[in-house]
Amino acid sequence: MILIKTVKERESLIDYAEFIHLLGIQLFQNNMHEKGIEFTLQALEVIPDMYLYHSNLTEMYRQMGILDKSIMH
C-alpha cells in the first residue's frame, strides 16, 4: 500500500512539473518573459534532471540575450 501511494505521489509531482513547465512556455510566448522563466525554474526544482525543461530554459535566456545564464543550462 505504501508503494502505491509513493508512485501516485510521484506521478502527481510529474504532472505538476509538466503543468508549470507548459505554463512557463505560454507565459514566455505571450511576452511575460520573467514569469515564463520563473515557472520553468519551478518545474526544474521538481524534476531537476528533465532535459526538456533545461533546453527550453536555455532558449528563453537566449531569446532574451542573457547568454551567461543560457550557457548554464
N, C-alpha and C. Protein backbone atom coordinates (compact mmCIF):
# COMPACT_ATOMS: atom_id res chain seq x y z
N MET A 1 0.82 -1.20 0.00
CA MET A 1 0.00 0.00 0.00
C MET A 1 0.86 1.26 0.00
N ILE A 2 1.97 1.28 0.72
CA ILE A 2 2.84 2.44 0.77
C ILE A 2 3.47 2.70 -0.60
N LEU A 3 3.87 1.62 -1.31
CA LEU A 3 4.48 1.78 -2.62
C LEU A 3 3.52 2.44 -3.60
N ILE A 4 2.26 2.03 -3.58
CA ILE A 4 1.26 2.62 -4.48
C ILE A 4 1.10 4.11 -4.17
N LYS A 5 1.06 4.44 -2.89
CA LYS A 5 0.93 5.84 -2.53
C LYS A 5 2.15 6.64 -3.02
N THR A 6 3.32 6.08 -2.89
CA THR A 6 4.54 6.74 -3.34
C THR A 6 4.53 6.94 -4.85
N VAL A 7 4.12 5.92 -5.58
CA VAL A 7 4.04 6.03 -7.04
C VAL A 7 3.03 7.10 -7.43
N LYS A 8 1.89 7.11 -6.76
CA LYS A 8 0.88 8.13 -7.07
C LYS A 8 1.39 9.53 -6.75
N GLU A 9 2.11 9.66 -5.65
CA GLU A 9 2.67 10.96 -5.31
C GLU A 9 3.68 11.40 -6.37
N ARG A 10 4.51 10.46 -6.83
CA ARG A 10 5.50 10.79 -7.87
C ARG A 10 4.79 11.20 -9.15
N GLU A 11 3.76 10.48 -9.54
CA GLU A 11 3.01 10.84 -10.75
C GLU A 11 2.38 12.22 -10.62
N SER A 12 1.90 12.55 -9.42
CA SER A 12 1.32 13.87 -9.20
C SER A 12 2.38 14.96 -9.33
N LEU A 13 3.57 14.71 -8.80
CA LEU A 13 4.65 15.68 -8.93
C LEU A 13 5.06 15.87 -10.39
N ILE A 14 5.12 14.78 -11.13
CA ILE A 14 5.47 14.86 -12.55
C ILE A 14 4.40 15.66 -13.30
N ASP A 15 3.14 15.38 -13.02
CA ASP A 15 2.06 16.14 -13.65
C ASP A 15 2.15 17.62 -13.31
N TYR A 16 2.43 17.92 -12.04
CA TYR A 16 2.56 19.30 -11.60
C TYR A 16 3.72 19.99 -12.33
N ALA A 17 4.86 19.32 -12.39
CA ALA A 17 6.02 19.89 -13.06
C ALA A 17 5.72 20.16 -14.54
N GLU A 18 5.08 19.22 -15.19
CA GLU A 18 4.75 19.41 -16.60
C GLU A 18 3.79 20.57 -16.80
N PHE A 19 2.82 20.69 -15.90
CA PHE A 19 1.86 21.79 -15.97
C PHE A 19 2.56 23.14 -15.84
N ILE A 20 3.41 23.29 -14.81
CA ILE A 20 4.05 24.60 -14.63
C ILE A 20 5.10 24.86 -15.72
N HIS A 21 5.68 23.81 -16.26
CA HIS A 21 6.60 23.98 -17.40
C HIS A 21 5.85 24.52 -18.61
N LEU A 22 4.73 23.91 -18.94
CA LEU A 22 3.94 24.38 -20.08
C LEU A 22 3.38 25.77 -19.85
N LEU A 23 3.00 26.06 -18.62
CA LEU A 23 2.55 27.40 -18.28
C LEU A 23 3.68 28.42 -18.49
N GLY A 24 4.88 28.04 -18.10
CA GLY A 24 6.03 28.90 -18.31
C GLY A 24 6.27 29.20 -19.77
N ILE A 25 6.12 28.19 -20.61
CA ILE A 25 6.29 28.40 -22.06
C ILE A 25 5.22 29.35 -22.58
N GLN A 26 3.98 29.14 -22.17
CA GLN A 26 2.89 30.01 -22.62
C GLN A 26 3.12 31.46 -22.19
N LEU A 27 3.52 31.63 -20.94
CA LEU A 27 3.79 32.99 -20.45
C LEU A 27 4.91 33.64 -21.26
N PHE A 28 5.97 32.90 -21.50
CA PHE A 28 7.09 33.44 -22.26
C PHE A 28 6.66 33.83 -23.66
N GLN A 29 5.87 32.98 -24.30
CA GLN A 29 5.42 33.26 -25.66
C GLN A 29 4.47 34.45 -25.72
N ASN A 30 3.86 34.78 -24.58
CA ASN A 30 2.96 35.92 -24.52
C ASN A 30 3.65 37.14 -23.90
N ASN A 31 4.97 37.20 -24.11
CA ASN A 31 5.79 38.35 -23.70
C ASN A 31 5.82 38.60 -22.20
N MET A 32 5.57 37.59 -21.42
CA MET A 32 5.74 37.66 -19.97
C MET A 32 6.99 36.85 -19.65
N HIS A 33 8.12 37.35 -20.14
CA HIS A 33 9.36 36.59 -20.13
C HIS A 33 9.83 36.20 -18.73
N GLU A 34 9.83 37.14 -17.81
CA GLU A 34 10.31 36.84 -16.46
C GLU A 34 9.45 35.79 -15.78
N LYS A 35 8.14 35.90 -15.93
CA LYS A 35 7.23 34.91 -15.34
C LYS A 35 7.42 33.54 -16.00
N GLY A 36 7.62 33.54 -17.31
CA GLY A 36 7.84 32.27 -18.01
C GLY A 36 9.08 31.56 -17.51
N ILE A 37 10.14 32.32 -17.31
CA ILE A 37 11.38 31.76 -16.78
C ILE A 37 11.16 31.28 -15.35
N GLU A 38 10.45 32.06 -14.57
CA GLU A 38 10.18 31.70 -13.17
C GLU A 38 9.46 30.35 -13.08
N PHE A 39 8.44 30.16 -13.89
CA PHE A 39 7.69 28.90 -13.85
C PHE A 39 8.53 27.73 -14.35
N THR A 40 9.35 27.97 -15.35
CA THR A 40 10.22 26.91 -15.86
C THR A 40 11.24 26.51 -14.81
N LEU A 41 11.76 27.48 -14.08
CA LEU A 41 12.69 27.17 -12.99
C LEU A 41 11.99 26.38 -11.88
N GLN A 42 10.74 26.69 -11.62
CA GLN A 42 9.97 25.93 -10.62
C GLN A 42 9.80 24.47 -11.06
N ALA A 43 9.57 24.27 -12.35
CA ALA A 43 9.45 22.90 -12.86
C ALA A 43 10.76 22.15 -12.67
N LEU A 44 11.87 22.85 -12.87
CA LEU A 44 13.18 22.23 -12.67
C LEU A 44 13.46 21.91 -11.21
N GLU A 45 12.88 22.65 -10.30
CA GLU A 45 13.02 22.33 -8.88
C GLU A 45 12.35 21.00 -8.56
N VAL A 46 11.25 20.72 -9.25
CA VAL A 46 10.52 19.47 -9.02
C VAL A 46 11.24 18.30 -9.69
N ILE A 47 11.67 18.49 -10.94
CA ILE A 47 12.38 17.44 -11.69
C ILE A 47 13.66 18.05 -12.25
N PRO A 48 14.73 18.07 -11.44
CA PRO A 48 15.96 18.76 -11.85
C PRO A 48 16.68 18.16 -13.04
N ASP A 49 16.44 16.91 -13.35
CA ASP A 49 17.17 16.28 -14.45
C ASP A 49 16.36 16.17 -15.74
N MET A 50 15.28 16.95 -15.85
CA MET A 50 14.45 16.90 -17.05
C MET A 50 15.11 17.73 -18.15
N TYR A 51 15.65 17.04 -19.14
CA TYR A 51 16.39 17.69 -20.23
C TYR A 51 15.54 18.74 -20.95
N LEU A 52 14.29 18.42 -21.22
CA LEU A 52 13.42 19.33 -21.96
C LEU A 52 13.27 20.67 -21.24
N TYR A 53 13.13 20.65 -19.92
CA TYR A 53 12.99 21.89 -19.17
C TYR A 53 14.25 22.73 -19.27
N HIS A 54 15.41 22.07 -19.17
CA HIS A 54 16.69 22.79 -19.32
C HIS A 54 16.81 23.39 -20.72
N SER A 55 16.44 22.60 -21.70
CA SER A 55 16.54 23.06 -23.09
C SER A 55 15.66 24.28 -23.33
N ASN A 56 14.43 24.23 -22.85
CA ASN A 56 13.53 25.37 -23.04
C ASN A 56 14.00 26.59 -22.27
N LEU A 57 14.53 26.38 -21.08
CA LEU A 57 15.05 27.49 -20.30
C LEU A 57 16.25 28.13 -21.00
N THR A 58 17.11 27.31 -21.57
CA THR A 58 18.24 27.82 -22.34
C THR A 58 17.76 28.70 -23.48
N GLU A 59 16.74 28.24 -24.18
CA GLU A 59 16.21 29.01 -25.31
C GLU A 59 15.56 30.32 -24.84
N MET A 60 14.88 30.28 -23.72
CA MET A 60 14.28 31.50 -23.17
C MET A 60 15.36 32.54 -22.87
N TYR A 61 16.40 32.09 -22.17
CA TYR A 61 17.51 33.01 -21.86
C TYR A 61 18.17 33.52 -23.14
N ARG A 62 18.35 32.63 -24.12
CA ARG A 62 18.98 33.04 -25.38
C ARG A 62 18.15 34.12 -26.06
N GLN A 63 16.85 33.92 -26.12
CA GLN A 63 15.98 34.90 -26.78
C GLN A 63 15.99 36.25 -26.06
N MET A 64 16.24 36.22 -24.77
CA MET A 64 16.30 37.46 -24.01
C MET A 64 17.69 38.09 -24.03
N GLY A 65 18.65 37.38 -24.62
CA GLY A 65 20.01 37.90 -24.70
C GLY A 65 20.81 37.71 -23.43
N ILE A 66 20.35 36.82 -22.56
CA ILE A 66 21.06 36.54 -21.30
C ILE A 66 21.89 35.29 -21.52
N LEU A 67 22.99 35.46 -22.23
CA LEU A 67 23.77 34.32 -22.69
C LEU A 67 24.51 33.60 -21.57
N ASP A 68 24.92 34.34 -20.53
CA ASP A 68 25.65 33.67 -19.45
C ASP A 68 24.76 32.65 -18.73
N LYS A 69 23.51 32.97 -18.53
CA LYS A 69 22.57 32.01 -17.91
C LYS A 69 22.18 30.93 -18.91
N SER A 70 22.13 31.28 -20.17
CA SER A 70 21.80 30.31 -21.21
C SER A 70 22.81 29.18 -21.24
N ILE A 71 24.07 29.52 -21.07
CA ILE A 71 25.15 28.50 -21.11
C ILE A 71 25.04 27.56 -19.93
N MET A 72 24.55 28.04 -18.80
CA MET A 72 24.45 27.23 -17.58
C MET A 72 23.49 26.06 -17.74
N HIS A 73 22.52 26.18 -18.62
CA HIS A 73 21.52 25.13 -18.78
C HIS A 73 21.79 24.39 -20.06
